[in-house]
């Protein structure tokens, strides 16, 4: 597989001509039209509510609020992770782009930034691999499951970072080495946890084909050194500190493996193209990629992504913030299911804080050994109120049961394990528990952060 021979052809248009049959052309146009419909459906939402989107909206909102009200560019984000979160754990470039648009567009600036990242990645892919622009090869690129997942789940920083790296690949193939190194560095700065290992894998793989290995190695080292501050910020994030090393490693490996398909699929397609296989091979590949995604929707989490096309703000989330028991400024632990984290977003936008960030590994949707472990957890996160959505039982944890038991024990004994827990509101769709640490008087809203 001599991809190195594509450098000249990529630049002067002399790449192998792919015959585009009527069927292939029709399929390509149909997929492009399908993507147009998907983007139109997403862009009609001020807030795209999906698995990873709410983190983007809350960070951009907070930074915008601080910046445009004269407080400067924040480093810390005290409204998340019981006051320990960072304003930019990653995603500085795309989030700042949305921040600059926020006064004009509000939440829709994030939605637009998401769409731009997707379009940029698709355009960069076809620019980096011009061999894949025609026929079923183009269809296979466009039905790449990593593209579908990145857009519909709202992986905004990854889309922008992947687009930068893909453009860097195109620059390297055209012998524009300085530009390639700069783009690789920006990609790793934008999403260090995923792009640093991805760039490393790409470089190590390409070493066997690169005639100037020293130049490739030096360029990689330069881009890596530039991105080290972003990596340091990741390790400083509360999510890393509060997650076990084994679990963090598993999440990292799984995430990198899935998102690497953005690069693996087009590279593999070029390799197949150069083997001069049967003409129907790209059509078969495109069919396998498409059917595979459809069949795995129930287990892949993509039901949440596809539902984002029509999902509106959760009614239970809005009810939580309008309840008489809601206290702006207090620290909340919000236990919900099926709302794509919109309840957590609504609570913060209404003026409260969260005990966690918006990453699943930090939200701790797990069972606890006993009351003592749970109380220590609540104390460590300085939780004032716990909101339990009636759908949360679908996570199959014992947290709601422990809250009920602690509430009963508090009524009988006053202060089990050093806290007093009261159920202060019971609605058909959610319950609210107040946590008084050290059995002090019930918490009021703390002073807002400076």
Protein backbone atom coordinates (compact mmCIF):
# COMPACT_ATOMS: atom_id res chain seq x y z
CA UNK A 1 0.00 0.00 0.00
CA UNK A 2 1.99 2.88 -1.28
CA UNK A 3 0.01 5.88 -0.07
CA UNK A 4 3.17 7.92 -0.45
CA UNK A 5 2.69 7.79 -4.20
CA UNK A 6 -0.50 9.77 -3.75
CA UNK A 7 1.28 12.96 -2.77
CA UNK A 8 1.74 14.22 -6.30
CA UNK A 9 -1.58 12.96 -7.58
CA UNK A 10 -3.38 14.55 -4.70
CA UNK A 11 -1.86 17.88 -5.64
CA UNK A 12 -2.15 17.94 -9.42
CA UNK A 13 -5.35 15.96 -9.86
CA UNK A 14 -3.67 13.00 -11.53
CA UNK A 15 -5.03 10.47 -9.04
CA UNK A 16 -6.51 7.30 -10.56
CA UNK A 17 -9.80 8.10 -12.24
CA UNK A 18 -12.69 6.21 -10.66
CA UNK A 19 -15.56 5.41 -12.97
CA UNK A 20 -18.76 6.63 -11.35
CA UNK A 21 -21.72 4.54 -12.47
CA UNK A 22 -25.25 5.88 -12.44
CA UNK A 23 -26.10 3.73 -9.43
CA UNK A 24 -23.06 4.93 -7.49
CA UNK A 25 -23.81 8.55 -8.37
CA UNK A 26 -27.42 8.14 -7.24
CA UNK A 27 -26.32 6.53 -3.98
CA UNK A 28 -23.82 9.33 -3.32
CA UNK A 29 -26.40 12.01 -3.96
CA UNK A 30 -28.89 10.19 -1.72
CA UNK A 31 -26.39 10.06 1.16
CA UNK A 32 -25.49 13.71 0.71
CA UNK A 33 -29.19 14.59 0.74
CA UNK A 34 -29.63 12.50 3.87
CA UNK A 35 -26.87 14.40 5.61
CA UNK A 36 -28.48 17.65 4.50
CA UNK A 37 -31.75 16.63 6.15
CA UNK A 38 -29.93 15.62 9.35
CA UNK A 39 -28.08 18.94 9.53
CA UNK A 40 -31.29 20.87 8.87
CA UNK A 41 -33.04 19.01 11.69
CA UNK A 42 -30.19 19.70 14.08
CA UNK A 43 -29.81 23.36 13.15
CA UNK A 44 -33.45 24.07 13.91
CA UNK A 45 -32.70 23.43 17.60
CA UNK A 46 -31.22 26.16 19.76
CA UNK A 47 -30.02 23.33 21.99
CA UNK A 48 -29.26 19.93 20.49
CA UNK A 49 -29.95 17.56 23.38
CA UNK A 50 -27.80 14.46 23.05
CA UNK A 51 -25.29 12.38 24.97
CA UNK A 52 -22.33 14.79 24.83
CA UNK A 53 -23.91 18.10 23.84
CA UNK A 54 -24.88 19.57 27.21
CA UNK A 55 -21.26 19.79 28.32
CA UNK A 56 -20.54 22.02 25.33
CA UNK A 57 -23.50 24.30 26.01
CA UNK A 58 -22.79 24.72 29.73
CA UNK A 59 -19.08 25.48 29.27
CA UNK A 60 -19.68 27.95 26.44
CA UNK A 61 -22.49 29.63 28.40
CA UNK A 62 -20.33 30.00 31.52
CA UNK A 63 -17.26 31.33 29.68
CA UNK A 64 -19.42 33.70 27.65
CA UNK A 65 -21.17 34.99 30.76
CA UNK A 66 -17.84 35.65 32.47
CA UNK A 67 -16.15 37.17 29.43
CA UNK A 68 -18.94 39.41 28.20
CA UNK A 69 -19.68 40.70 31.71
CA UNK A 70 -16.13 41.95 32.13
CA UNK A 71 -14.71 39.18 34.33
CA UNK A 72 -12.14 38.06 31.80
CA UNK A 73 -11.44 34.57 30.51
CA UNK A 74 -11.96 32.10 33.38
CA UNK A 75 -9.74 29.14 34.21
CA UNK A 76 -11.86 27.57 36.92
CA UNK A 77 -15.57 26.75 36.67
CA UNK A 78 -16.98 26.68 40.23
CA UNK A 79 -20.52 25.74 39.18
CA UNK A 80 -19.47 22.16 38.31
CA UNK A 81 -17.76 19.33 40.23
CA UNK A 82 -18.61 21.00 43.57
CA UNK A 83 -16.47 23.98 42.63
CA UNK A 84 -13.42 22.16 41.25
CA UNK A 85 -14.13 22.06 37.51
CA UNK A 86 -12.09 23.79 34.82
CA UNK A 87 -13.58 26.11 32.23
CA UNK A 88 -11.56 24.49 29.44
CA UNK A 89 -10.74 20.84 30.21
CA UNK A 90 -10.38 20.66 26.41
CA UNK A 91 -12.02 22.24 23.36
CA UNK A 92 -10.56 25.74 23.70
CA UNK A 93 -10.66 26.61 19.98
CA UNK A 94 -14.23 25.51 19.11
CA UNK A 95 -15.66 26.64 22.44
CA UNK A 96 -14.09 30.08 22.08
CA UNK A 97 -15.48 30.29 18.55
CA UNK A 98 -18.95 29.69 20.01
CA UNK A 99 -18.27 32.12 22.88
CA UNK A 100 -17.54 34.92 20.41
CA UNK A 101 -20.86 34.23 18.65
CA UNK A 102 -22.88 33.85 21.86
CA UNK A 103 -23.97 37.53 22.20
CA UNK A 104 -25.51 37.29 18.70
CA UNK A 105 -26.90 33.77 18.76
CA UNK A 106 -27.07 32.49 22.33
CA UNK A 107 -27.26 28.71 22.57
CA UNK A 108 -27.53 28.39 18.79
CA UNK A 109 -23.88 29.43 18.52
CA UNK A 110 -22.94 26.01 19.96
CA UNK A 111 -25.33 24.23 17.58
CA UNK A 112 -23.77 26.07 14.64
CA UNK A 113 -20.25 25.29 15.86
CA UNK A 114 -21.16 21.61 16.01
CA UNK A 115 -22.40 21.67 12.41
CA UNK A 116 -19.29 23.55 11.24
CA UNK A 117 -17.06 20.94 12.87
CA UNK A 118 -18.88 18.14 11.06
CA UNK A 119 -18.76 19.89 7.69
CA UNK A 120 -15.10 20.72 8.23
CA UNK A 121 -14.23 17.09 8.95
CA UNK A 122 -16.06 15.79 5.87
CA UNK A 123 -14.45 18.43 3.65
CA UNK A 124 -11.00 17.77 5.11
CA UNK A 125 -11.41 14.01 4.54
CA UNK A 126 -12.17 14.41 0.85
CA UNK A 127 -9.38 16.98 0.52
CA UNK A 128 -6.87 14.69 2.24
CA UNK A 129 -7.97 11.67 0.18
CA UNK A 130 -9.13 12.95 -3.22
CA UNK A 131 -9.16 9.33 -4.48
CA UNK A 132 -12.34 8.82 -2.48
CA UNK A 133 -14.44 11.64 -3.89
CA UNK A 134 -16.28 9.58 -6.50
CA UNK A 135 -18.67 6.67 -6.66
CA UNK A 136 -19.19 4.11 -3.92
CA UNK A 137 -15.88 5.15 -2.36
CA UNK A 138 -17.45 8.49 -1.46
CA UNK A 139 -20.57 6.74 -0.16
CA UNK A 140 -18.44 4.56 2.13
CA UNK A 141 -16.71 7.66 3.51
CA UNK A 142 -20.01 9.41 4.17
CA UNK A 143 -21.57 6.47 6.05
CA UNK A 144 -18.56 6.11 8.34
CA UNK A 145 -20.09 5.28 11.77
CA UNK A 146 -17.60 7.56 13.51
CA UNK A 147 -18.94 10.53 11.52
CA UNK A 148 -22.52 9.67 12.44
CA UNK A 149 -21.68 9.22 16.10
CA UNK A 150 -19.58 12.39 16.36
CA UNK A 151 -22.35 14.61 14.99
CA UNK A 152 -25.43 13.03 16.55
CA UNK A 153 -23.88 12.51 19.99
CA UNK A 154 -22.48 16.05 19.91
CA UNK A 155 -18.73 15.39 20.10
CA UNK A 156 -17.96 18.99 19.20
CA UNK A 157 -14.31 19.32 20.34
CA UNK A 158 -13.48 15.98 18.69
CA UNK A 159 -15.04 17.03 15.37
CA UNK A 160 -12.94 20.19 15.25
CA UNK A 161 -9.77 18.40 16.36
CA UNK A 162 -10.29 15.57 13.88
CA UNK A 163 -10.91 18.09 11.08
CA UNK A 164 -7.60 19.81 11.91
CA UNK A 165 -5.68 16.55 11.95
CA UNK A 166 -7.32 15.36 8.73
CA UNK A 167 -6.30 18.63 7.08
CA UNK A 168 -2.82 18.00 8.45
CA UNK A 169 -2.79 14.59 6.76
CA UNK A 170 -3.72 16.27 3.51
CA UNK A 171 -0.93 18.80 3.94
CA UNK A 172 1.63 16.06 4.63
CA UNK A 173 0.56 14.18 1.50
CA UNK A 174 1.11 17.41 -0.45
CA UNK A 175 4.54 17.91 1.15
CA UNK A 176 3.39 20.97 3.09
CA UNK A 177 5.16 19.76 6.18
CA UNK A 178 5.14 22.91 8.32
CA UNK A 179 1.38 23.32 7.88
CA UNK A 180 0.86 19.64 8.70
CA UNK A 181 2.81 19.95 11.96
CA UNK A 182 0.91 23.08 12.99
CA UNK A 183 -2.45 21.45 12.30
CA UNK A 184 -1.47 18.31 14.19
CA UNK A 185 -0.42 20.43 17.16
CA UNK A 186 -3.71 22.38 17.11
CA UNK A 187 -5.66 19.15 16.89
CA UNK A 188 -3.93 17.73 19.97
CA UNK A 189 -4.36 21.01 21.84
CA UNK A 190 -8.07 20.95 21.08
CA UNK A 191 -8.75 17.40 22.29
CA UNK A 192 -5.64 16.03 23.99
CA UNK A 193 -7.15 12.86 25.53
CA UNK A 194 -8.14 11.43 22.14
CA UNK A 195 -5.93 13.17 19.58
CA UNK A 196 -2.57 12.69 21.30
CA UNK A 197 -2.83 8.88 21.14
CA UNK A 198 -4.45 9.03 17.70
CA UNK A 199 -1.61 11.12 16.27
CA UNK A 200 0.90 8.76 17.86
CA UNK A 201 -0.74 5.72 16.26
CA UNK A 202 -0.94 7.41 12.85
CA UNK A 203 2.70 8.45 12.97
CA UNK A 204 3.94 5.04 14.09
CA UNK A 205 1.89 3.36 11.36
CA UNK A 206 3.11 5.76 8.66
CA UNK A 207 6.76 5.29 9.65
CA UNK A 208 6.96 2.16 7.51
CA UNK A 209 5.95 4.10 4.38
CA UNK A 210 7.59 7.48 5.01
CA UNK A 211 10.87 7.89 3.05
CA UNK A 212 12.03 10.67 5.42
CA UNK A 213 11.37 9.05 8.79
CA UNK A 214 13.50 11.54 10.68
CA UNK A 215 11.41 14.43 9.41
CA UNK A 216 8.21 12.65 10.39
CA UNK A 217 9.54 11.86 13.86
CA UNK A 218 10.74 15.41 14.45
CA UNK A 219 7.43 16.85 13.31
CA UNK A 220 5.53 14.54 15.64
CA UNK A 221 7.72 15.48 18.62
CA UNK A 222 7.24 19.19 17.94
CA UNK A 223 3.47 18.82 17.73
CA UNK A 224 3.46 16.72 20.90
CA UNK A 225 5.52 19.24 22.86
CA UNK A 226 3.14 22.02 21.84
CA UNK A 227 0.16 19.97 23.06
CA UNK A 228 1.61 19.03 26.47
CA UNK A 229 -0.10 21.95 28.30
CA UNK A 230 -3.47 20.61 27.12
CA UNK A 231 -2.55 17.16 28.41
CA UNK A 232 -1.59 18.67 31.79
CA UNK A 233 -4.99 20.36 32.01
CA UNK A 234 -6.69 17.01 31.42
CA UNK A 235 -4.82 15.44 34.34
CA UNK A 236 -5.72 18.45 36.50
CA UNK A 237 -9.42 17.96 35.80
CA UNK A 238 -11.53 16.60 38.69
CA UNK A 239 -12.78 13.80 36.44
CA UNK A 240 -9.29 12.32 36.28
CA UNK A 241 -8.68 12.75 39.99
CA UNK A 242 -11.98 11.12 40.99
CA UNK A 243 -11.83 8.15 38.61
CA UNK A 244 -9.78 5.00 39.19
CA UNK A 245 -6.76 4.48 36.96
CA UNK A 246 -8.11 1.21 35.57
CA UNK A 247 -11.49 2.70 34.70
CA UNK A 248 -9.87 5.79 33.17
CA UNK A 249 -7.64 3.57 31.04
CA UNK A 250 -10.60 1.52 29.84
CA UNK A 251 -12.60 4.64 28.92
CA UNK A 252 -9.56 6.04 27.10
CA UNK A 253 -8.94 2.88 25.09
CA UNK A 254 -12.61 2.47 24.18
CA UNK A 255 -13.00 6.12 23.18
CA UNK A 256 -9.85 6.24 21.07
CA UNK A 257 -10.70 2.94 19.36
CA UNK A 258 -14.19 4.08 18.37
CA UNK A 259 -13.21 7.56 17.23
CA UNK A 260 -10.18 6.34 15.32
CA UNK A 261 -12.62 5.08 12.68
CA UNK A 262 -12.72 8.67 11.39
CA UNK A 263 -9.20 7.99 10.05
CA UNK A 264 -9.18 4.19 9.77
CA UNK A 265 -12.10 4.03 7.33
CA UNK A 266 -10.73 6.40 4.64
CA UNK A 267 -7.21 4.97 4.96
CA UNK A 268 -8.56 1.43 4.61
CA UNK A 269 -10.64 2.50 1.60
CA UNK A 270 -7.56 3.90 -0.13
CA UNK A 271 -5.73 0.65 0.60
CA UNK A 272 -8.58 -1.36 -0.94
CA UNK A 273 -8.72 0.95 -3.93
CA UNK A 274 -5.03 0.38 -4.70
CA UNK A 275 -5.45 -3.38 -4.63
CA UNK A 276 -7.69 -3.11 -7.70
CA UNK A 277 -10.31 -5.49 -6.34
CA UNK A 278 -13.74 -6.19 -7.77
CA UNK A 279 -15.73 -3.10 -8.70
CA UNK A 280 -18.46 -3.89 -6.18
CA UNK A 281 -16.08 -3.91 -3.19
CA UNK A 282 -16.72 -0.25 -2.14
CA UNK A 283 -20.48 -0.80 -2.44
CA UNK A 284 -20.20 -3.84 -0.18
CA UNK A 285 -18.09 -1.89 2.31
CA UNK A 286 -20.60 0.98 2.32
CA UNK A 287 -23.44 -1.50 2.85
CA UNK A 288 -21.67 -3.22 5.73
CA UNK A 289 -20.94 0.12 7.43
CA UNK A 290 -24.53 1.27 7.05
CA UNK A 291 -26.26 -1.97 8.04
CA UNK A 292 -23.87 -2.46 10.95
CA UNK A 293 -24.86 0.90 12.39
CA UNK A 294 -28.57 0.15 12.09
CA UNK A 295 -28.28 -3.27 13.72
CA UNK A 296 -26.20 -1.99 16.65
CA UNK A 297 -28.39 0.99 17.56
CA UNK A 298 -29.94 -0.81 20.58
CA UNK A 299 -26.50 -1.50 22.12
CA UNK A 300 -24.38 1.37 20.81
CA UNK A 301 -26.14 4.27 22.54
CA UNK A 302 -26.98 5.80 19.17
CA UNK A 303 -30.70 5.78 19.99
CA UNK A 304 -29.90 8.87 22.03
CA UNK A 305 -28.13 10.41 19.05
CA UNK A 306 -30.91 9.81 16.56
CA UNK A 307 -33.52 11.01 19.06
CA UNK A 308 -31.59 14.28 19.28
CA UNK A 309 -33.05 15.20 15.90
CA UNK A 310 -36.49 15.59 17.48
CA UNK A 311 -35.82 15.81 21.25
CA UNK A 312 -37.09 18.87 23.12
CA UNK A 313 -36.19 20.03 26.66
CA UNK A 314 -37.27 17.49 29.26
CA UNK A 315 -40.43 18.50 31.16
CA UNK A 316 -39.20 16.94 34.38
CA UNK A 317 -36.02 19.01 34.17
CA UNK A 318 -38.04 22.19 33.87
CA UNK A 319 -40.25 21.14 36.79
CA UNK A 320 -37.22 20.58 39.03
CA UNK A 321 -35.99 24.15 38.62
CA UNK A 322 -39.50 25.60 39.14
CA UNK A 323 -40.21 23.66 42.33
CA UNK A 324 -40.61 25.61 45.57
CA UNK A 325 -37.78 23.54 47.09
CA UNK A 326 -35.23 24.68 44.50
CA UNK A 327 -32.39 26.77 45.97
CA UNK A 328 -30.13 28.66 43.54
CA UNK A 329 -26.53 28.62 44.74
CA UNK A 330 -26.78 25.26 46.50
CA UNK A 331 -24.91 22.17 45.32
CA UNK A 332 -27.16 19.58 43.69
CA UNK A 333 -26.75 15.94 42.82
CA UNK A 334 -29.23 15.25 40.02
CA UNK A 335 -30.12 11.62 39.31
CA UNK A 336 -31.95 11.30 36.00
CA UNK A 337 -32.40 8.84 33.15
CA UNK A 338 -33.29 9.32 29.51
CA UNK A 339 -33.04 13.13 29.34
CA UNK A 340 -29.50 13.29 27.85
CA UNK A 341 -28.32 15.22 30.96
CA UNK A 342 -30.72 18.10 30.31
CA UNK A 343 -31.82 18.13 33.96
CA UNK A 344 -28.25 18.78 35.09
CA UNK A 345 -27.96 21.53 32.50
CA UNK A 346 -31.26 23.12 33.56
CA UNK A 347 -30.27 23.08 37.24
CA UNK A 348 -27.01 24.91 36.53
CA UNK A 349 -28.63 27.42 34.20
CA UNK A 350 -31.18 28.14 36.95
CA UNK A 351 -28.36 29.20 39.28
CA UNK A 352 -27.37 26.09 41.23
CA UNK A 353 -24.17 24.07 41.22
CA UNK A 354 -23.59 20.42 40.39
CA UNK A 355 -21.63 17.91 42.42
CA UNK A 356 -20.16 16.50 39.20
CA UNK A 357 -19.18 17.39 35.68
CA UNK A 358 -21.16 16.23 32.66
CA UNK A 359 -18.96 13.21 31.97
CA UNK A 360 -20.62 9.86 32.78
CA UNK A 361 -17.57 8.60 34.65
CA UNK A 362 -17.82 11.57 37.04
CA UNK A 363 -21.59 11.30 37.59
CA UNK A 364 -21.10 8.05 39.53
CA UNK A 365 -24.16 6.11 38.44
CA UNK A 366 -23.15 3.17 40.60
CA UNK A 367 -24.22 1.45 43.80
CA UNK A 368 -22.60 2.04 47.19
CA UNK A 369 -21.55 -0.62 49.70
CA UNK A 370 -23.42 0.86 52.64
CA UNK A 371 -24.72 4.04 54.25
CA UNK A 372 -21.28 5.07 55.49
CA UNK A 373 -19.72 4.96 52.02
CA UNK A 374 -22.62 6.91 50.56
CA UNK A 375 -22.52 9.57 53.28
CA UNK A 376 -18.76 9.96 52.77
CA UNK A 377 -19.45 10.44 49.05
CA UNK A 378 -22.08 13.14 49.74
CA UNK A 379 -19.75 14.90 52.16
CA UNK A 380 -16.80 14.76 49.77
CA UNK A 381 -18.89 16.37 47.05
CA UNK A 382 -20.48 18.88 49.44
CA UNK A 383 -23.99 17.91 48.30
CA UNK A 384 -26.84 20.02 49.67
CA UNK A 385 -29.73 18.49 47.70
CA UNK A 386 -30.28 15.27 45.80
CA UNK A 387 -32.96 15.21 43.09
CA UNK A 388 -34.16 11.76 42.02
CA UNK A 389 -36.00 11.41 38.72
CA UNK A 390 -38.57 8.58 38.88
CA UNK A 391 -36.85 7.01 35.84
CA UNK A 392 -33.46 6.75 37.55
CA UNK A 393 -34.16 3.21 38.80
CA UNK A 394 -33.35 2.03 35.26
CA UNK A 395 -29.66 2.44 36.11
CA UNK A 396 -30.16 -0.30 38.74
CA UNK A 397 -28.23 1.37 41.56
CA UNK A 398 -29.08 1.47 45.25
CA UNK A 399 -28.73 5.24 45.70
CA UNK A 400 -32.45 6.01 45.84
CA UNK A 401 -32.90 3.20 48.36
CA UNK A 402 -30.09 4.56 50.52
CA UNK A 403 -31.61 8.04 50.45
CA UNK A 404 -34.96 6.65 51.61
CA UNK A 405 -33.30 4.69 54.39
CA UNK A 406 -31.21 7.67 55.53
CA UNK A 407 -34.33 9.82 55.55
CA UNK A 408 -36.17 7.31 57.76
CA UNK A 409 -33.16 6.90 60.04
CA UNK A 410 -32.80 10.69 60.33
CA UNK A 411 -36.41 11.01 61.42
CA UNK A 412 -35.87 8.31 64.05
CA UNK A 413 -32.28 8.90 65.19
CA UNK A 414 -31.53 12.44 64.05
CA UNK A 415 -28.05 12.03 62.58
CA UNK A 416 -27.08 8.68 61.02
CA UNK A 417 -23.42 8.64 59.95
CA UNK A 418 -23.15 12.38 60.57
CA UNK A 419 -25.80 13.69 58.17
CA UNK A 420 -29.48 14.51 58.38
CA UNK A 421 -31.47 13.62 55.26
CA UNK A 422 -35.01 14.92 54.71
CA UNK A 423 -37.31 14.22 51.80
CA UNK A 424 -38.61 17.75 51.31
CA UNK A 425 -40.55 17.26 48.08
CA UNK A 426 -42.32 14.34 46.45
CA UNK A 427 -43.78 14.88 43.01
CA UNK A 428 -45.18 12.25 40.63
CA UNK A 429 -42.04 12.49 38.51
CA UNK A 430 -39.25 13.34 40.98
CA UNK A 431 -38.30 13.62 44.64
CA UNK A 432 -35.99 16.05 46.42
CA UNK A 433 -33.85 15.16 49.44
CA UNK A 434 -32.10 17.76 51.58
CA UNK A 435 -28.73 16.79 53.03
CA UNK A 436 -27.58 18.57 56.21
CA UNK A 437 -23.96 17.67 56.75
CA UNK A 438 -22.90 17.41 60.38
CA UNK A 439 -26.57 17.71 61.35
CA UNK A 440 -26.42 21.47 61.14
CA UNK A 441 -29.43 23.55 60.19
CA UNK A 442 -30.83 22.97 56.68
CA UNK A 443 -28.59 24.52 54.01
CA UNK A 444 -29.51 27.74 52.37
CA UNK A 445 -28.01 28.97 49.15
CA UNK A 446 -24.29 29.69 49.59
CA UNK A 447 -22.76 32.91 48.46
CA UNK A 448 -22.18 33.06 44.70
CA UNK A 449 -18.60 32.48 43.53
CA UNK A 450 -16.40 35.47 42.78
